[in-house]
Protein backbone atom coordinates (compact mmCIF):
# COMPACT_ATOMS: atom_id res chain seq x y z
CA MET A 1 -0.20 0.20 0.14
CA ALA A 2 2.87 2.06 1.01
CA ARG A 3 4.60 1.44 -2.24
CA SER A 4 1.52 2.52 -4.21
CA TYR A 5 1.19 5.82 -2.49
CA GLY A 6 4.99 6.52 -2.95
CA ARG A 7 4.88 5.60 -7.08
CA LEU A 8 1.87 7.87 -7.49
CA VAL A 9 3.04 10.73 -5.56
CA GLN A 10 5.93 10.75 -8.05
CA GLN A 11 3.43 9.93 -10.79
CA LEU A 12 1.85 13.52 -9.41
CA ARG A 13 5.32 15.28 -9.13
CA ALA A 14 6.42 14.35 -12.78
CA GLU A 15 2.83 15.22 -13.95
CA ARG A 16 3.28 19.08 -12.19
CA SER A 17 6.88 19.50 -13.61
CA ALA A 18 5.42 19.04 -17.19
CA LEU A 19 3.18 21.32 -16.71
CA GLU A 20 5.12 23.97 -15.14
CA ARG A 21 7.36 23.33 -18.32
CA GLU A 22 4.07 24.10 -20.73
CA VAL A 23 3.41 27.59 -17.99
CA GLU A 24 6.85 28.64 -19.09
CA LYS A 25 6.25 28.03 -22.55
CA LEU A 26 2.77 29.97 -22.74
CA THR A 27 4.17 32.82 -20.58
CA GLN A 28 7.35 33.37 -23.39
CA ALA A 29 4.60 32.95 -26.23
CA ILE A 30 2.76 36.02 -24.87
CA SER A 31 5.25 37.56 -24.33
CA ALA A 32 6.22 37.67 -27.54
CA LEU A 33 2.65 38.34 -28.55
CA GLU A 34 2.53 41.00 -26.53
CA GLY A 35 5.93 42.69 -27.62
CA SER A 36 7.11 45.92 -26.21
CA GLY A 37 4.23 48.19 -26.71
CA GLY A 38 2.33 47.04 -23.36
CA SER A 39 0.98 48.28 -20.51
CA GLY A 40 4.59 47.11 -19.26
CA ARG A 41 3.88 44.36 -17.54
CA SER A 42 5.61 41.56 -20.11
CA GLY A 43 5.70 38.15 -17.80
CA ARG A 44 9.30 38.48 -17.88
CA LYS A 45 11.30 37.58 -14.88
CA SER A 46 13.25 40.30 -13.30
CA GLY A 47 16.67 40.13 -14.56
CA ALA A 48 15.49 38.92 -18.12
CA ARG A 49 16.94 40.38 -21.17
CA LYS A 50 15.04 41.27 -23.86
CA SER A 51 15.70 39.51 -27.30
CA ALA A 52 17.34 41.46 -30.13
CA ALA A 53 14.10 40.96 -32.20
CA GLY A 54 12.21 42.33 -29.78
CA GLY A 55 12.96 46.29 -30.13
CA ARG A 56 11.39 48.72 -30.35
CA ARG A 57 8.64 49.12 -33.34
CA ARG A 58 7.76 52.13 -35.11
CA ARG A 59 4.27 53.41 -34.44
CA ARG A 60 2.39 53.93 -37.74
CA SER A 61 1.26 57.29 -38.78
CA MET A 62 -2.76 58.12 -39.74
CA SER A 63 -3.04 60.24 -42.79
CA ALA A 64 -4.67 63.20 -42.32
CA ALA A 65 -8.04 61.57 -44.72
CA ALA A 66 -8.00 59.05 -41.91
CA ARG A 67 -7.95 61.33 -39.12
CA ARG A 68 -10.77 63.26 -40.67
CA ALA A 69 -12.67 59.88 -41.12
CA VAL A 70 -12.37 59.20 -37.39
CA SER A 71 -13.26 62.66 -36.43
CA LEU A 72 -16.38 62.32 -38.62
CA ARG A 73 -17.13 58.78 -37.32
CA MET A 74 -17.09 60.16 -33.75
CA LYS A 75 -18.95 63.25 -34.19
CA LYS A 76 -21.64 61.06 -35.50
CA TYR A 77 -21.33 58.93 -32.65
CA TRP A 78 -21.40 61.47 -30.00
CA ALA A 79 -24.17 63.48 -31.89
CA ALA A 80 -26.29 60.41 -31.79
CA ARG A 81 -25.46 59.75 -28.07
CA ARG A 82 -26.49 63.34 -27.40
CA LYS A 83 -29.93 62.77 -29.09
CA GLN A 84 -30.68 59.52 -27.36
CA ALA A 85 -29.87 60.57 -23.93
CA ALA A 86 -32.39 63.77 -24.43
């Protein structure tokens, strides 16, 4: 009976180790997807170095036409909200 418990504990520990490795892989994948444009929480442990590929990305600028289109859409949106509230 004691042997079977020992074997069970050993199997559970092995499974836990495998799951911890899987969690670490998922954490790394999430960090890679978040990149450097996140909220400052990258999931890395303190002291971890950035990879060379994880450098700063440039932001795309919006064209004047795109800014105008957004402006018109938002004006329409807020007008509808004011109308609905009244």
